[in-house]
């Protein structure tokens, strides 16, 4: 059984690598300045593309992903709520408490405040 899984993963990795390298080597490359430049609604770009932006965007994205994954884990438990024993309820509440404590910590540290 493990050998079949290994063969499947190996073939999947090999096939995806072949497709990736073929697309890189066989693609038509046209180093035209207009094609690789920034397009801002027909105007010349106002800033260069290498402008740094606030790390808070990444923080908000990570918080969104964490709480989105929380919903993915809590949905099956909510659908089968009549089949859940006390230990599972304890684990669910502990999971929610850890996430809420993390959110409160981030809020108190000022991670959600925009300046």
PDB file of N, CA and C in Angstrom:
ATOM      1  N   UNK A   1       0.824  -1.198   0.000  1.00  0.00           N
ATOM      2  CA  UNK A   1       0.000   0.000   0.000  1.00  0.00           C
ATOM      3  C   UNK A   1       0.863   1.253   0.000  1.00  0.00           C
ATOM      4  N   UNK A   2       1.921   1.255   0.813  1.00  0.00           N
ATOM      5  CA  UNK A   2       2.797   2.417   0.864  1.00  0.00           C
ATOM      6  C   UNK A   2       3.563   2.580  -0.436  1.00  0.00           C
ATOM      7  N   UNK A   3       3.879   1.457  -1.100  1.00  0.00           N
ATOM      8  CA  UNK A   3       4.592   1.530  -2.365  1.00  0.00           C
ATOM      9  C   UNK A   3       3.720   2.172  -3.436  1.00  0.00           C
ATOM     10  N   UNK A   4       2.434   1.852  -3.445  1.00  0.00           N
ATOM     11  CA  UNK A   4       1.526   2.464  -4.412  1.00  0.00           C
ATOM     12  C   UNK A   4       1.427   3.964  -4.196  1.00  0.00           C
ATOM     13  N   UNK A   5       1.371   4.391  -2.957  1.00  0.00           N
ATOM     14  CA  UNK A   5       1.318   5.813  -2.649  1.00  0.00           C
ATOM     15  C   UNK A   5       2.605   6.502  -3.078  1.00  0.00           C
ATOM     16  N   UNK A   6       3.740   5.878  -2.818  1.00  0.00           N
ATOM     17  CA  UNK A   6       5.020   6.447  -3.224  1.00  0.00           C
ATOM     18  C   UNK A   6       5.100   6.572  -4.741  1.00  0.00           C
ATOM     19  N   UNK A   7       4.675   5.543  -5.455  1.00  0.00           N
ATOM     20  CA  UNK A   7       4.696   5.589  -6.926  1.00  0.00           C
ATOM     21  C   UNK A   7       3.777   6.689  -7.431  1.00  0.00           C
ATOM     22  N   UNK A   8       2.611   6.809  -6.857  1.00  0.00           N
ATOM     23  CA  UNK A   8       1.672   7.861  -7.262  1.00  0.00           C
ATOM     24  C   UNK A   8       2.265   9.248  -7.022  1.00  0.00           C
ATOM     25  N   UNK A   9       2.850   9.476  -5.850  1.00  0.00           N
ATOM     26  CA  UNK A   9       3.457  10.774  -5.554  1.00  0.00           C
ATOM     27  C   UNK A   9       4.646  11.050  -6.459  1.00  0.00           C
ATOM     28  N   UNK A  10       5.454  10.035  -6.733  1.00  0.00           N
ATOM     29  CA  UNK A  10       6.608  10.214  -7.607  1.00  0.00           C
ATOM     30  C   UNK A  10       6.176  10.568  -9.026  1.00  0.00           C
ATOM     31  N   UNK A  11       5.191   9.863  -9.543  1.00  0.00           N
ATOM     32  CA  UNK A  11       4.706  10.157 -10.898  1.00  0.00           C
ATOM     33  C   UNK A  11       4.071  11.538 -10.948  1.00  0.00           C
ATOM     34  N   UNK A  12       3.340  11.923  -9.923  1.00  0.00           N
ATOM     35  CA  UNK A  12       2.739  13.260  -9.882  1.00  0.00           C
ATOM     36  C   UNK A  12       3.811  14.337  -9.867  1.00  0.00           C
ATOM     37  N   UNK A  13       4.839  14.158  -9.043  1.00  0.00           N
ATOM     38  CA  UNK A  13       5.935  15.126  -8.983  1.00  0.00           C
ATOM     39  C   UNK A  13       6.675  15.179 -10.308  1.00  0.00           C
ATOM     40  N   UNK A  14       6.946  14.027 -10.899  1.00  0.00           N
ATOM     41  CA  UNK A  14       7.664  13.975 -12.169  1.00  0.00           C
ATOM     42  C   UNK A  14       6.863  14.635 -13.283  1.00  0.00           C
ATOM     43  N   UNK A  15       5.594  14.351 -13.361  1.00  0.00           N
ATOM     44  CA  UNK A  15       4.755  14.938 -14.403  1.00  0.00           C
ATOM     45  C   UNK A  15       4.630  16.447 -14.236  1.00  0.00           C
ATOM     46  N   UNK A  16       4.435  16.910 -13.024  1.00  0.00           N
ATOM     47  CA  UNK A  16       4.335  18.355 -12.818  1.00  0.00           C
ATOM     48  C   UNK A  16       5.661  19.046 -13.101  1.00  0.00           C
ATOM     49  N   UNK A  17       6.784  18.407 -12.781  1.00  0.00           N
ATOM     50  CA  UNK A  17       8.093  18.996 -13.090  1.00  0.00           C
ATOM     51  C   UNK A  17       8.324  19.064 -14.587  1.00  0.00           C
ATOM     52  N   UNK A  18       7.953  18.014 -15.305  1.00  0.00           N
ATOM     53  CA  UNK A  18       8.112  18.015 -16.763  1.00  0.00           C
ATOM     54  C   UNK A  18       7.271  19.115 -17.386  1.00  0.00           C
ATOM     55  N   UNK A  19       6.038  19.266 -16.955  1.00  0.00           N
ATOM     56  CA  UNK A  19       5.170  20.313 -17.501  1.00  0.00           C
ATOM     57  C   UNK A  19       5.725  21.693 -17.189  1.00  0.00           C
ATOM     58  N   UNK A  20       6.237  21.890 -15.990  1.00  0.00           N
ATOM     59  CA  UNK A  20       6.815  23.179 -15.612  1.00  0.00           C
ATOM     60  C   UNK A  20       8.026  23.512 -16.474  1.00  0.00           C
ATOM     61  N   UNK A  21       8.956  22.576 -16.615  1.00  0.00           N
ATOM     62  CA  UNK A  21      10.157  22.846 -17.404  1.00  0.00           C
ATOM     63  C   UNK A  21       9.835  23.011 -18.886  1.00  0.00           C
ATOM     64  N   UNK A  22       8.886  22.252 -19.403  1.00  0.00           N
ATOM     65  CA  UNK A  22       8.491  22.440 -20.801  1.00  0.00           C
ATOM     66  C   UNK A  22       7.876  23.812 -21.025  1.00  0.00           C
ATOM     67  N   UNK A  23       7.076  24.273 -20.087  1.00  0.00           N
ATOM     68  CA  UNK A  23       6.479  25.599 -20.257  1.00  0.00           C
ATOM     69  C   UNK A  23       7.526  26.697 -20.172  1.00  0.00           C
ATOM     70  N   UNK A  24       8.571  26.493 -19.383  1.00  0.00           N
ATOM     71  CA  UNK A  24       9.637  27.496 -19.291  1.00  0.00           C
ATOM     72  C   UNK A  24      10.474  27.507 -20.561  1.00  0.00           C
ATOM     73  N   UNK A  25      10.860  26.336 -21.043  1.00  0.00           N
ATOM     74  CA  UNK A  25      11.768  26.273 -22.183  1.00  0.00           C
ATOM     75  C   UNK A  25      11.072  26.490 -23.524  1.00  0.00           C
ATOM     76  N   UNK A  26       9.828  26.116 -23.659  1.00  0.00           N
ATOM     77  CA  UNK A  26       9.142  26.226 -24.943  1.00  0.00           C
ATOM     78  C   UNK A  26       8.299  27.484 -25.089  1.00  0.00           C
ATOM     79  N   UNK A  27       8.247  28.294 -24.064  1.00  0.00           N
ATOM     80  CA  UNK A  27       7.414  29.497 -24.152  1.00  0.00           C
ATOM     81  C   UNK A  27       8.085  30.541 -25.030  1.00  0.00           C
ATOM     82  N   UNK A  28       7.271  31.344 -25.665  1.00  0.00           N
ATOM     83  CA  UNK A  28       7.758  32.416 -26.528  1.00  0.00           C
ATOM     84  C   UNK A  28       8.088  33.612 -25.659  1.00  0.00           C
ATOM     85  N   UNK A  29       9.332  34.041 -25.724  1.00  0.00           N
ATOM     86  CA  UNK A  29       9.772  35.164 -24.901  1.00  0.00           C
ATOM     87  C   UNK A  29       9.959  36.387 -25.779  1.00  0.00           C
ATOM     88  N   UNK A  30       9.278  37.440 -25.428  1.00  0.00           N
ATOM     89  CA  UNK A  30       9.385  38.695 -26.155  1.00  0.00           C
ATOM     90  C   UNK A  30       9.745  39.788 -25.159  1.00  0.00           C
ATOM     91  N   UNK A  31      11.022  40.147 -25.063  1.00  0.00           N
ATOM     92  CA  UNK A  31      11.418  41.154 -24.075  1.00  0.00           C
ATOM     93  C   UNK A  31      11.074  42.568 -24.519  1.00  0.00           C
ATOM     94  N   UNK A  32       9.824  42.807 -24.770  1.00  0.00           N
ATOM     95  CA  UNK A  32       9.368  44.128 -25.171  1.00  0.00           C
ATOM     96  C   UNK A  32       9.178  44.983 -23.921  1.00  0.00           C
ATOM     97  N   UNK A  33       9.659  46.213 -23.961  1.00  0.00           N
ATOM     98  CA  UNK A  33       9.598  47.089 -22.787  1.00  0.00           C
ATOM     99  C   UNK A  33       8.156  47.361 -22.371  1.00  0.00           C
ATOM    100  N   UNK A  34       7.284  47.500 -23.325  1.00  0.00           N
ATOM    101  CA  UNK A  34       5.890  47.794 -23.007  1.00  0.00           C
ATOM    102  C   UNK A  34       5.180  46.606 -22.363  1.00  0.00           C
ATOM    103  N   UNK A  35       5.594  45.409 -22.725  1.00  0.00           N
ATOM    104  CA  UNK A  35       4.928  44.230 -22.175  1.00  0.00           C
ATOM    105  C   UNK A  35       5.325  43.943 -20.735  1.00  0.00           C
ATOM    106  N   UNK A  36       6.513  44.345 -20.347  1.00  0.00           N
ATOM    107  CA  UNK A  36       6.960  44.064 -18.986  1.00  0.00           C
ATOM    108  C   UNK A  36       6.835  45.273 -18.075  1.00  0.00           C
ATOM    109  N   UNK A  37       6.309  46.371 -18.576  1.00  0.00           N
ATOM    110  CA  UNK A  37       6.165  47.568 -17.744  1.00  0.00           C
ATOM    111  C   UNK A  37       4.827  47.541 -17.005  1.00  0.00           C
ATOM    112  N   UNK A  38       4.721  48.388 -16.008  1.00  0.00           N
ATOM    113  CA  UNK A  38       3.502  48.491 -15.218  1.00  0.00           C
ATOM    114  C   UNK A  38       2.445  49.212 -16.044  1.00  0.00           C
ATOM    115  N   UNK A  39       1.209  48.785 -15.894  1.00  0.00           N
ATOM    116  CA  UNK A  39       0.118  49.455 -16.591  1.00  0.00           C
ATOM    117  C   UNK A  39      -0.812  50.048 -15.548  1.00  0.00           C
ATOM    118  N   UNK A  40      -0.954  51.354 -15.555  1.00  0.00           N
ATOM    119  CA  UNK A  40      -1.841  52.031 -14.613  1.00  0.00           C
ATOM    120  C   UNK A  40      -2.883  52.829 -15.385  1.00  0.00           C
ATOM    121  N   UNK A  41      -3.825  52.147 -15.961  1.00  0.00           N
ATOM    122  CA  UNK A  41      -4.961  52.761 -16.654  1.00  0.00           C
ATOM    123  C   UNK A  41      -4.517  53.728 -17.755  1.00  0.00           C
ATOM    124  N   UNK A  42      -3.486  53.384 -18.480  1.00  0.00           N
ATOM    125  CA  UNK A  42      -3.054  54.201 -19.595  1.00  0.00           C
ATOM    126  C   UNK A  42      -2.084  55.302 -19.240  1.00  0.00           C
ATOM    127  N   UNK A  43      -1.824  55.508 -17.971  1.00  0.00           N
ATOM    128  CA  UNK A  43      -0.877  56.538 -17.544  1.00  0.00           C
ATOM    129  C   UNK A  43       0.497  55.915 -17.322  1.00  0.00           C
ATOM    130  N   UNK A  44       1.502  56.759 -17.335  1.00  0.00           N
ATOM    131  CA  UNK A  44       2.822  56.287 -16.939  1.00  0.00           C
ATOM    132  C   UNK A  44       2.788  55.961 -15.452  1.00  0.00           C
ATOM    133  N   UNK A  45       3.561  54.966 -15.031  1.00  0.00           N
ATOM    134  CA  UNK A  45       3.528  54.594 -13.609  1.00  0.00           C
ATOM    135  C   UNK A  45       3.983  55.738 -12.715  1.00  0.00           C
ATOM    136  N   UNK A  46       3.292  55.883 -11.597  1.00  0.00           N
ATOM    137  CA  UNK A  46       3.621  56.941 -10.650  1.00  0.00           C
ATOM    138  C   UNK A  46       4.808  56.559  -9.767  1.00  0.00           C
ATOM    139  N   UNK A  47       4.936  55.275  -9.456  1.00  0.00           N
ATOM    140  CA  UNK A  47       5.995  54.794  -8.577  1.00  0.00           C
ATOM    141  C   UNK A  47       6.654  53.589  -9.224  1.00  0.00           C
ATOM    142  N   UNK A  48       7.831  53.243  -8.732  1.00  0.00           N
ATOM    143  CA  UNK A  48       8.480  52.031  -9.220  1.00  0.00           C
ATOM    144  C   UNK A  48       7.794  50.815  -8.599  1.00  0.00           C
ATOM    145  N   UNK A  49       8.027  49.666  -9.191  1.00  0.00           N
ATOM    146  CA  UNK A  49       7.360  48.460  -8.697  1.00  0.00           C
ATOM    147  C   UNK A  49       7.972  47.937  -7.416  1.00  0.00           C
ATOM    148  N   UNK A  50       9.161  48.368  -7.087  1.00  0.00           N
ATOM    149  CA  UNK A  50       9.828  47.864  -5.897  1.00  0.00           C
ATOM    150  C   UNK A  50       9.488  48.613  -4.632  1.00  0.00           C
ATOM    151  N   UNK A  51       8.391  49.357  -4.630  1.00  0.00           N
ATOM    152  CA  UNK A  51       8.014  50.123  -3.445  1.00  0.00           C
ATOM    153  C   UNK A  51       7.600  49.176  -2.325  1.00  0.00           C
ATOM    154  N   UNK A  52       8.181  49.331  -1.149  1.00  0.00           N
ATOM    155  CA  UNK A  52       7.745  48.496  -0.027  1.00  0.00           C
ATOM    156  C   UNK A  52       6.384  48.959   0.489  1.00  0.00           C
ATOM    157  N   UNK A  53       5.638  48.035   1.029  1.00  0.00           N
ATOM    158  CA  UNK A  53       4.366  48.403   1.637  1.00  0.00           C
ATOM    159  C   UNK A  53       4.275  47.786   3.018  1.00  0.00           C
ATOM    160  N   UNK A  54       3.289  48.192   3.734  1.00  0.00           N
ATOM    161  CA  UNK A  54       3.184  47.858   5.152  1.00  0.00           C
ATOM    162  C   UNK A  54       3.066  46.351   5.372  1.00  0.00           C
ATOM    163  N   UNK A  55       3.751  45.885   6.384  1.00  0.00           N
ATOM    164  CA  UNK A  55       3.706  44.476   6.756  1.00  0.00           C
ATOM    165  C   UNK A  55       2.351  44.117   7.358  1.00  0.00           C
ATOM    166  N   UNK A  56       1.571  45.115   7.720  1.00  0.00           N
ATOM    167  CA  UNK A  56       0.258  44.867   8.325  1.00  0.00           C
ATOM    168  C   UNK A  56      -0.696  44.177   7.351  1.00  0.00           C
ATOM    169  N   UNK A  57      -0.477  44.366   6.052  1.00  0.00           N
ATOM    170  CA  UNK A  57      -1.301  43.649   5.087  1.00  0.00           C
ATOM    171  C   UNK A  57      -1.097  42.144   5.226  1.00  0.00           C
ATOM    172  N   UNK A  58       0.145  41.725   5.439  1.00  0.00           N
ATOM    173  CA  UNK A  58       0.422  40.309   5.632  1.00  0.00           C
ATOM    174  C   UNK A  58      -0.190  39.812   6.933  1.00  0.00           C
ATOM    175  N   UNK A  59      -0.149  40.629   7.972  1.00  0.00           N
ATOM    176  CA  UNK A  59      -0.727  40.246   9.258  1.00  0.00           C
ATOM    177  C   UNK A  59      -2.233  40.033   9.132  1.00  0.00           C
ATOM    178  N   UNK A  60      -2.899  40.946   8.448  1.00  0.00           N
ATOM    179  CA  UNK A  60      -4.344  40.801   8.251  1.00  0.00           C
ATOM    180  C   UNK A  60      -4.642  39.557   7.419  1.00  0.00           C
ATOM    181  N   UNK A  61      -3.823  39.295   6.408  1.00  0.00           N
ATOM    182  CA  UNK A  61      -4.031  38.104   5.577  1.00  0.00           C
ATOM    183  C   UNK A  61      -3.836  36.831   6.387  1.00  0.00           C
ATOM    184  N   UNK A  62      -2.831  36.809   7.241  1.00  0.00           N
ATOM    185  CA  UNK A  62      -2.587  35.621   8.066  1.00  0.00           C
ATOM    186  C   UNK A  62      -3.711  35.427   9.078  1.00  0.00           C
ATOM    187  N   UNK A  63      -4.175  36.515   9.682  1.00  0.00           N
ATOM    188  CA  UNK A  63      -5.302  36.396  10.616  1.00  0.00           C
ATOM    189  C   UNK A  63      -6.552  35.891   9.902  1.00  0.00           C
ATOM    190  N   UNK A  64      -6.773  36.373   8.685  1.00  0.00           N
ATOM    191  CA  UNK A  64      -7.913  35.885   7.912  1.00  0.00           C
ATOM    192  C   UNK A  64      -7.783  34.390   7.658  1.00  0.00           C
ATOM    193  N   UNK A  65      -6.599  33.942   7.271  1.00  0.00           N
ATOM    194  CA  UNK A  65      -6.407  32.521   7.002  1.00  0.00           C
ATOM    195  C   UNK A  65      -6.594  31.676   8.259  1.00  0.00           C
ATOM    196  N   UNK A  66      -6.095  32.162   9.386  1.00  0.00           N
ATOM    197  CA  UNK A  66      -6.238  31.406  10.639  1.00  0.00           C
ATOM    198  C   UNK A  66      -7.708  31.244  11.000  1.00  0.00           C
ATOM    199  N   UNK A  67      -8.471  32.324  10.922  1.00  0.00           N
ATOM    200  CA  UNK A  67      -9.878  32.218  11.303  1.00  0.00           C
ATOM    201  C   UNK A  67     -10.712  31.543  10.221  1.00  0.00           C
ATOM    202  N   UNK A  68     -10.246  31.575   8.994  1.00  0.00           N
ATOM    203  CA  UNK A  68     -10.919  30.824   7.942  1.00  0.00           C
ATOM    204  C   UNK A  68     -10.702  29.327   8.157  1.00  0.00           C
ATOM    205  N   UNK A  69      -9.496  28.951   8.534  1.00  0.00           N
ATOM    206  CA  UNK A  69      -9.235  27.545   8.843  1.00  0.00           C
ATOM    207  C   UNK A  69      -9.981  27.098  10.094  1.00  0.00           C
ATOM    208  N   UNK A  70     -10.195  28.019  11.020  1.00  0.00           N
ATOM    209  CA  UNK A  70     -10.984  27.693  12.208  1.00  0.00           C
ATOM    210  C   UNK A  70     -12.389  27.264  11.796  1.00  0.00           C
ATOM    211  N   UNK A  71     -12.967  27.970  10.861  1.00  0.00           N
ATOM    212  CA  UNK A  71     -14.306  27.617  10.387  1.00  0.00           C
ATOM    213  C   UNK A  71     -14.294  26.242   9.732  1.00  0.00           C
ATOM    214  N   UNK A  72     -13.232  25.944   8.997  1.00  0.00           N
ATOM    215  CA  UNK A  72     -13.138  24.630   8.350  1.00  0.00           C
ATOM    216  C   UNK A  72     -13.104  23.517   9.397  1.00  0.00           C
ATOM    217  N   UNK A  73     -12.413  23.747  10.515  1.00  0.00           N
ATOM    218  CA  UNK A  73     -12.353  22.728  11.563  1.00  0.00           C
ATOM    219  C   UNK A  73     -13.627  22.673  12.400  1.00  0.00           C
ATOM    220  N   UNK A  74     -14.286  23.792  12.599  1.00  0.00           N
ATOM    221  CA  UNK A  74     -15.468  23.805  13.458  1.00  0.00           C
ATOM    222  C   UNK A  74     -16.742  23.373  12.734  1.00  0.00           C
ATOM    223  N   UNK A  75     -16.787  23.503  11.430  1.00  0.00           N
ATOM    224  CA  UNK A  75     -18.013  23.155  10.707  1.00  0.00           C
ATOM    225  C   UNK A  75     -18.403  21.681  10.862  1.00  0.00           C
ATOM    226  N   UNK A  76     -17.486  20.720  10.681  1.00  0.00           N
ATOM    227  CA  UNK A  76     -17.905  19.319  10.873  1.00  0.00           C
ATOM    228  C   UNK A  76     -18.381  19.028  12.291  1.00  0.00           C
ATOM    229  N   UNK A  77     -17.787  19.681  13.283  1.00  0.00           N
ATOM    230  CA  UNK A  77     -18.235  19.486  14.655  1.00  0.00           C
ATOM    231  C   UNK A  77     -19.632  20.057  14.860  1.00  0.00           C
ATOM    232  N   UNK A  78     -19.932  21.164  14.215  1.00  0.00           N
ATOM    233  CA  UNK A  78     -21.256  21.760  14.392  1.00  0.00           C
ATOM    234  C   UNK A  78     -22.335  20.952  13.685  1.00  0.00           C
ATOM    235  N   UNK A  79     -21.988  20.317  12.592  1.00  0.00           N
ATOM    236  CA  UNK A  79     -22.972  19.504  11.871  1.00  0.00           C
ATOM    237  C   UNK A  79     -23.317  18.252  12.671  1.00  0.00           C
ATOM    238  N   UNK A  80     -22.335  17.657  13.321  1.00  0.00           N
ATOM    239  CA  UNK A  80     -22.545  16.440  14.109  1.00  0.00           C
ATOM    240  C   UNK A  80     -22.553  16.740  15.596  1.00  0.00           C
ATOM    241  N   UNK A  81     -23.210  17.798  16.000  1.00  0.00           N
ATOM    242  CA  UNK A  81     -23.160  18.212  17.408  1.00  0.00           C
ATOM    243  C   UNK A  81     -23.830  17.211  18.349  1.00  0.00           C
ATOM    244  N   UNK A  82     -24.760  16.430  17.868  1.00  0.00           N
ATOM    245  CA  UNK A  82     -25.411  15.464  18.752  1.00  0.00           C
ATOM    246  C   UNK A  82     -24.548  14.219  18.981  1.00  0.00           C
ATOM    247  N   UNK A  83     -23.488  14.033  18.210  1.00  0.00           N
ATOM    248  CA  UNK A  83     -22.618  12.866  18.358  1.00  0.00           C
ATOM    249  C   UNK A  83     -21.326  13.171  19.116  1.00  0.00           C
ATOM    250  N   UNK A  84     -21.178  14.387  19.605  1.00  0.00           N
ATOM    251  CA  UNK A  84     -19.927  14.797  20.235  1.00  0.00           C
ATOM    252  C   UNK A  84     -19.978  14.504  21.732  1.00  0.00           C
ATOM    253  N   UNK A  85     -18.935  13.829  22.229  1.00  0.00           N
ATOM    254  CA  UNK A  85     -18.861  13.542  23.661  1.00  0.00           C
ATOM    255  C   UNK A  85     -18.216  14.718  24.398  1.00  0.00           C
ATOM    256  N   UNK A  86     -18.057  14.565  25.712  1.00  0.00           N
ATOM    257  CA  UNK A  86     -17.544  15.668  26.537  1.00  0.00           C
ATOM    258  C   UNK A  86     -16.086  16.001  26.225  1.00  0.00           C
ATOM    259  N   UNK A  87     -15.292  14.986  25.945  1.00  0.00           N
ATOM    260  CA  UNK A  87     -13.890  15.243  25.624  1.00  0.00           C
ATOM    261  C   UNK A  87     -13.770  16.066  24.338  1.00  0.00           C
ATOM    262  N   UNK A  88     -14.561  15.724  23.331  1.00  0.00           N
ATOM    263  CA  UNK A  88     -14.524  16.475  22.074  1.00  0.00           C
ATOM    264  C   UNK A  88     -14.998  17.909  22.274  1.00  0.00           C
ATOM    265  N   UNK A  89     -16.012  18.087  23.123  1.00  0.00           N
ATOM    266  CA  UNK A  89     -16.453  19.452  23.417  1.00  0.00           C
ATOM    267  C   UNK A  89     -15.357  20.242  24.116  1.00  0.00           C
ATOM    268  N   UNK A  90     -14.638  19.588  25.014  1.00  0.00           N
ATOM    269  CA  UNK A  90     -13.520  20.247  25.694  1.00  0.00           C
ATOM    270  C   UNK A  90     -12.452  20.673  24.683  1.00  0.00           C
ATOM    271  N   UNK A  91     -12.144  19.808  23.735  1.00  0.00           N
ATOM    272  CA  UNK A  91     -11.146  20.134  22.711  1.00  0.00           C
ATOM    273  C   UNK A  91     -11.626  21.291  21.844  1.00  0.00           C
ATOM    274  N   UNK A  92     -12.902  21.302  21.490  1.00  0.00           N
ATOM    275  CA  UNK A  92     -13.458  22.394  20.681  1.00  0.00           C
ATOM    276  C   UNK A  92     -13.349  23.715  21.433  1.00  0.00           C
ATOM    277  N   UNK A  93     -13.764  23.718  22.692  1.00  0.00           N
ATOM    278  CA  UNK A  93     -13.703  24.955  23.477  1.00  0.00           C
ATOM    279  C   UNK A  93     -12.261  25.405  23.693  1.00  0.00           C
ATOM    280  N   UNK A  94     -11.366  24.470  23.921  1.00  0.00           N
ATOM    281  CA  UNK A  94      -9.956  24.818  24.078  1.00  0.00           C
ATOM    282  C   UNK A  94      -9.400  25.428  22.789  1.00  0.00           C
ATOM    283  N   UNK A  95      -9.774  24.873  21.660  1.00  0.00           N
ATOM    284  CA  UNK A  95      -9.355  25.390  20.355  1.00  0.00           C
ATOM    285  C   UNK A  95      -9.842  26.823  20.160  1.00  0.00           C
ATOM    286  N   UNK A  96     -11.095  27.073  20.484  1.00  0.00           N
ATOM    287  CA  UNK A  96     -11.657  28.420  20.340  1.00  0.00           C
ATOM    288  C   UNK A  96     -10.996  29.384  21.320  1.00  0.00           C
ATOM    289  N   UNK A  97     -10.757  28.940  22.543  1.00  0.00           N
ATOM    290  CA  UNK A  97     -10.128  29.807  23.550  1.00  0.00           C
ATOM    291  C   UNK A  97      -8.714  30.194  23.124  1.00  0.00           C
ATOM    292  N   UNK A  98      -7.949  29.254  22.588  1.00  0.00           N
ATOM    293  CA  UNK A  98      -6.588  29.571  22.132  1.00  0.00           C
ATOM    294  C   UNK A  98      -6.630  30.600  21.009  1.00  0.00           C
ATOM    295  N   UNK A  99      -7.557  30.458  20.081  1.00  0.00           N
ATOM    296  CA  UNK A  99      -7.662  31.432  18.989  1.00  0.00           C
ATOM    297  C   UNK A  99      -8.092  32.804  19.493  1.00  0.00           C
ATOM    298  N   UNK A 100      -9.025  32.845  20.438  1.00  0.00           N
ATOM    299  CA  UNK A 100      -9.475  34.132  20.977  1.00  0.00           C
ATOM    300  C   UNK A 100      -8.359  34.797  21.773  1.00  0.00           C
ATOM    301  N   UNK A 101      -7.602  34.017  22.542  1.00  0.00           N
ATOM    302  CA  UNK A 101      -6.469  34.587  23.283  1.00  0.00           C
ATOM    303  C   UNK A 101      -5.438  35.153  22.313  1.00  0.00           C
ATOM    304  N   UNK A 102      -5.177  34.452  21.234  1.00  0.00           N
ATOM    305  CA  UNK A 102      -4.250  34.962  20.224  1.00  0.00           C
ATOM    306  C   UNK A 102      -4.746  36.247  19.590  1.00  0.00           C
ATOM    307  N   UNK A 103      -6.041  36.324  19.313  1.00  0.00           N
ATOM    308  CA  UNK A 103      -6.611  37.542  18.733  1.00  0.00           C
ATOM    309  C   UNK A 103      -6.526  38.704  19.714  1.00  0.00           C
ATOM    310  N   UNK A 104      -6.843  38.458  20.983  1.00  0.00           N
ATOM    311  CA  UNK A 104      -6.755  39.521  21.995  1.00  0.00           C
ATOM    312  C   UNK A 104      -5.312  39.980  22.160  1.00  0.00           C
ATOM    313  N   UNK A 105      -4.382  39.045  22.167  1.00  0.00           N
ATOM    314  CA  UNK A 105      -2.964  39.400  22.277  1.00  0.00           C
ATOM    315  C   UNK A 105      -2.540  40.294  21.110  1.00  0.00           C
ATOM    316  N   UNK A 106      -2.939  39.925  19.913  1.00  0.00           N
ATOM    317  CA  UNK A 106      -2.573  40.722  18.735  1.00  0.00           C
ATOM    318  C   UNK A 106      -3.226  42.096  18.788  1.00  0.00           C
ATOM    319  N   UNK A 107      -4.438  42.148  19.267  1.00  0.00           N
ATOM    320  CA  UNK A 107      -5.153  43.420  19.378  1.00  0.00           C
ATOM    321  C   UNK A 107      -4.479  44.338  20.399  1.00  0.00           C
ATOM    322  N   UNK A 108      -4.118  43.767  21.572  1.00  0.00           N
ATOM    323  CA  UNK A 108      -3.477  44.565  22.613  1.00  0.00           C
ATOM    324  C   UNK A 108      -2.071  45.014  22.224  1.00  0.00           C
ATOM    325  N   UNK A 109      -1.377  44.240  21.417  1.00  0.00           N
ATOM    326  CA  UNK A 109      -0.045  44.623  20.962  1.00  0.00           C
ATOM    327  C   UNK A 109      -0.096  45.686  19.865  1.00  0.00           C
ATOM    328  N   UNK A 110      -1.290  45.988  19.364  1.00  0.00           N
ATOM    329  CA  UNK A 110      -1.443  47.025  18.351  1.00  0.00           C
ATOM    330  C   UNK A 110      -1.276  46.525  16.934  1.00  0.00           C
ATOM    331  N   UNK A 111      -1.331  45.225  16.752  1.00  0.00           N
ATOM    332  CA  UNK A 111      -1.165  44.673  15.412  1.00  0.00           C
ATOM    333  C   UNK A 111      -2.323  44.957  14.488  1.00  0.00           C
ATOM    334  N   UNK A 112      -3.477  45.260  15.045  1.00  0.00           N
ATOM    335  CA  UNK A 112      -4.650  45.536  14.222  1.00  0.00           C
ATOM    336  C   UNK A 112      -4.931  47.021  14.084  1.00  0.00           C
ATOM    337  N   UNK A 113      -4.087  47.852  14.662  1.00  0.00           N
ATOM    338  CA  UNK A 113      -4.277  49.303  14.589  1.00  0.00           C
ATOM    339  C   UNK A 113      -3.557  49.860  13.368  1.00  0.00           C
ATOM    340  N   UNK A 114      -4.250  50.668  12.595  1.00  0.00           N
ATOM    341  CA  UNK A 114      -3.650  51.320  11.431  1.00  0.00           C
ATOM    342  C   UNK A 114      -3.250  52.730  11.819  1.00  0.00           C
ATOM    343  N   UNK A 115      -2.066  53.103  11.447  1.00  0.00           N
ATOM    344  CA  UNK A 115      -1.565  54.434  11.804  1.00  0.00           C
ATOM    345  C   UNK A 115      -1.800  55.424  10.685  1.00  0.00           C
TER     346      UNK A 115
END
